[in-house]
Amino acid sequence: MREIYELSEPDRVSFGTVGEVGERVFLLQARQGQQVVTLKLEKTQVSTLCHVLGRLLRGLDGPGELPPGGTDLEPFVLPDLVVRALQLGYDGVRDRVVLLCADTDTGEEPYDVAEESEDSEGSVVRLAMSREQAMALAIRGTELVESGRPSCPRCGYPLDPRGHVCPKLNGNAPPRI
C-alpha cells in the first residue's frame, strides 16, 4: 500500500548526517506541526539536489531572509523513506519549491503522484518549501557534502584513506594524486 507524506507548509527543512566521515548516512528531515519526516539519501543525491536547487533559485527572484540555521536532526528511530527517485520543480502560483521523493523508481518521466493509486507500491514525500527554506537547504547540504572526504580527480568518487580503486583506471594502476 502506498503511503504519501504531504508537507505543503513545512516549519523546518534541513539536511543532517549520522556517523563518521567516510561512513556517514545523509538525511533530509522536514517538520510540519507535529509531523516529522526523515528521508535517507545518498551523498551524490544530496550533492546533485543542492546543485539543481541553486540553479533553480538563481532563475527566481532573490529569496528573503533565510530561516535560522537549525542543523541538528530531531530524534528518530528509522528513516521513513529511502529515496530512490527525486524530482524538483517550482510552483509559481504558490511561490513554492516542490520536491518529490519516492522510494521506488518507475523510470517514468515525470513522476506524477496524483496518478498513483493507494494500491501502488512504495511511498512518496511531497515537500513544498519556501524559496528561503530551499536556499538554506541547498547551503546546508553543500556544506555537509564538502565536509567529507576529498574526491578523486579522475572519477569524482570519494577517496578512501584505506585505498581507492579508480573505475577510470579499471583497477589496472594506482591513481596518481
Protein backbone atom coordinates (compact mmCIF):
# COMPACT_ATOMS: atom_id res chain seq x y z
CA MET A 1 0.00 0.00 0.00
CA ARG A 2 1.31 3.45 -0.94
CA GLU A 3 1.99 5.96 1.80
CA ILE A 4 2.02 9.62 0.76
CA TYR A 5 3.52 12.27 3.02
CA GLU A 6 2.36 15.77 2.13
CA LEU A 7 4.19 18.71 3.69
CA SER A 8 2.81 21.80 1.97
CA GLU A 9 3.91 24.39 4.58
CA PRO A 10 6.87 22.87 6.47
CA ASP A 11 8.09 24.69 9.58
CA ARG A 12 11.60 23.30 9.19
CA VAL A 13 13.61 21.56 6.44
CA SER A 14 17.24 20.51 6.88
CA PHE A 15 19.94 18.07 5.90
CA GLY A 16 21.93 16.20 8.52
CA THR A 17 24.19 13.21 8.86
CA VAL A 18 24.65 10.31 11.22
CA GLY A 19 28.03 8.61 11.60
CA GLU A 20 31.66 9.44 10.99
CA VAL A 21 33.11 10.96 7.80
CA GLY A 22 33.51 8.21 5.24
CA GLU A 23 30.66 6.20 6.77
CA ARG A 24 28.01 8.89 7.11
CA VAL A 25 24.34 8.44 6.36
CA PHE A 26 22.80 11.54 4.75
CA LEU A 27 19.32 12.51 5.86
CA LEU A 28 16.76 15.09 4.85
CA GLN A 29 14.34 15.94 7.63
CA ALA A 30 11.20 18.08 7.44
CA ARG A 31 8.74 19.12 10.13
CA GLN A 32 5.23 20.45 9.72
CA GLY A 33 3.43 20.86 13.01
CA GLN A 34 3.79 17.58 14.88
CA GLN A 35 4.65 15.57 11.76
CA VAL A 36 8.35 14.86 11.23
CA VAL A 37 9.52 13.03 8.10
CA THR A 38 13.07 11.67 7.84
CA LEU A 39 14.45 10.63 4.45
CA LYS A 40 17.69 8.74 3.79
CA LEU A 41 19.65 9.86 0.72
CA GLU A 42 22.98 9.06 -0.87
CA LYS A 43 25.73 11.68 -0.77
CA THR A 44 25.56 12.06 -4.56
CA GLN A 45 21.81 12.66 -4.36
CA VAL A 46 22.37 15.43 -1.80
CA SER A 47 25.12 16.99 -3.91
CA THR A 48 23.07 16.90 -7.10
CA LEU A 49 19.93 18.16 -5.38
CA CYS A 50 21.82 21.12 -3.89
CA HIS A 51 23.33 21.95 -7.29
CA VAL A 52 19.96 21.84 -9.04
CA LEU A 53 18.30 23.81 -6.23
CA GLY A 54 20.93 26.52 -6.66
CA ARG A 55 20.32 26.68 -10.42
CA LEU A 56 16.55 26.80 -9.91
CA LEU A 57 16.78 29.57 -7.31
CA ARG A 58 19.13 31.67 -9.47
CA GLY A 59 16.34 31.86 -12.04
CA LEU A 60 13.86 33.25 -9.49
CA ASP A 61 13.66 36.50 -7.57
CA GLY A 62 16.12 36.53 -4.69
CA PRO A 63 14.83 34.90 -1.54
CA GLY A 64 14.12 36.96 1.56
CA GLU A 65 15.79 36.38 4.90
CA LEU A 66 16.93 32.79 5.33
CA PRO A 67 15.44 30.82 8.22
CA PRO A 68 17.64 30.34 11.30
CA GLY A 69 20.14 27.53 10.84
CA GLY A 70 18.74 24.53 12.66
CA THR A 71 21.29 21.91 11.75
CA ASP A 72 20.55 19.26 14.35
CA LEU A 73 18.32 16.38 13.39
CA GLU A 74 15.31 15.67 15.53
CA PRO A 75 15.30 12.25 17.19
CA PHE A 76 14.11 9.36 15.00
CA VAL A 77 14.37 5.58 15.06
CA LEU A 78 14.49 4.73 11.35
CA PRO A 79 14.09 6.88 8.24
CA ASP A 80 10.53 6.99 6.90
CA LEU A 81 11.81 6.58 3.36
CA VAL A 82 14.97 5.58 1.50
CA VAL A 83 14.97 7.89 -1.50
CA ARG A 84 15.40 6.23 -4.90
CA ALA A 85 13.90 8.96 -7.12
CA LEU A 86 13.89 12.75 -6.81
CA GLN A 87 12.05 15.43 -8.76
CA LEU A 88 12.29 19.15 -8.27
CA GLY A 89 10.06 21.92 -9.57
CA TYR A 90 8.69 25.35 -8.85
CA ASP A 91 5.02 26.23 -8.23
CA GLY A 92 4.80 29.86 -9.36
CA VAL A 93 1.20 30.24 -8.20
CA ARG A 94 2.04 29.35 -4.59
CA ASP A 95 5.69 30.54 -4.80
CA ARG A 96 6.92 27.17 -3.51
CA VAL A 97 9.86 24.97 -4.47
CA VAL A 98 8.41 21.46 -4.73
CA LEU A 99 10.49 18.36 -4.05
CA LEU A 100 9.10 14.89 -4.72
CA CYS A 101 10.94 11.95 -3.14
CA ALA A 102 9.96 8.35 -3.85
CA ASP A 103 11.33 5.07 -2.58
CA THR A 104 10.71 3.39 -5.93
CA ASP A 105 11.95 4.49 -9.33
CA THR A 106 9.44 3.60 -12.00
CA GLY A 107 11.65 5.03 -14.72
CA GLU A 108 8.71 7.08 -15.95
CA GLU A 109 9.17 10.80 -16.55
CA PRO A 110 7.81 12.81 -14.87
CA TYR A 111 6.63 11.08 -11.71
CA ASP A 112 3.01 12.06 -11.04
CA VAL A 113 1.80 11.44 -7.51
CA ALA A 114 -1.77 12.31 -8.46
CA GLU A 115 -1.95 9.39 -10.90
CA GLU A 116 -0.84 6.86 -8.32
CA SER A 117 -3.43 4.76 -6.51
CA GLU A 118 -3.25 3.70 -2.89
CA ASP A 119 -2.58 0.16 -4.12
CA SER A 120 0.66 1.28 -5.78
CA GLU A 121 3.94 0.11 -4.32
CA GLY A 122 6.28 2.35 -2.38
CA SER A 123 5.92 5.68 -0.67
CA VAL A 124 6.21 9.31 -1.72
CA VAL A 125 7.03 12.55 0.09
CA ARG A 126 5.87 15.82 -1.45
CA LEU A 127 7.61 18.75 0.17
CA ALA A 128 6.64 22.32 -0.84
CA MET A 129 9.24 24.72 0.58
CA SER A 130 9.56 28.47 0.51
CA ARG A 131 12.42 29.87 -1.59
CA GLU A 132 14.15 30.80 1.67
CA GLN A 133 13.90 27.25 3.02
CA ALA A 134 15.14 25.86 -0.30
CA MET A 135 18.16 28.19 -0.30
CA ALA A 136 19.02 27.31 3.31
CA LEU A 137 18.65 23.61 2.44
CA ALA A 138 20.99 23.95 -0.56
CA ILE A 139 23.60 25.76 1.54
CA ARG A 140 23.42 23.21 4.37
CA GLY A 141 23.60 20.23 2.01
CA THR A 142 26.59 21.68 0.16
CA GLU A 143 28.39 22.28 3.47
CA LEU A 144 27.79 18.67 4.52
CA VAL A 145 28.94 17.20 1.21
CA GLU A 146 32.08 19.35 1.11
CA SER A 147 32.98 18.49 4.71
CA GLY A 148 33.52 14.84 3.75
CA ARG A 149 36.37 13.01 2.10
CA PRO A 150 38.09 14.65 -0.88
CA SER A 151 37.09 13.44 -4.33
CA CYS A 152 39.29 11.54 -6.77
CA PRO A 153 40.35 13.95 -9.54
CA ARG A 154 39.75 11.26 -12.18
CA CYS A 155 36.42 9.67 -11.26
CA GLY A 156 34.95 12.05 -8.70
CA TYR A 157 34.27 9.31 -6.16
CA PRO A 158 35.41 9.93 -2.59
CA LEU A 159 38.97 8.89 -1.78
CA ASP A 160 39.12 6.26 0.93
CA PRO A 161 42.13 6.53 3.25
CA ARG A 162 42.36 2.71 3.16
CA GLY A 163 42.85 2.81 -0.62
CA HIS A 164 40.95 3.79 -3.73
CA VAL A 165 40.41 1.71 -6.84
CA CYS A 166 39.54 4.25 -9.50
CA PRO A 167 36.99 2.95 -12.03
CA LYS A 168 38.53 5.25 -14.67
CA LEU A 169 41.67 3.12 -14.48
CA ASN A 170 39.77 -0.19 -14.46
CA GLY A 171 41.82 -1.16 -11.41
CA ASN A 172 44.93 -1.60 -13.58
CA ALA A 173 47.03 1.12 -11.99
CA PRO A 174 47.02 3.08 -8.79
CA PRO A 175 45.55 6.57 -9.16
CA ARG A 176 48.05 9.38 -9.45
CA ILE A 177 47.05 12.01 -6.96
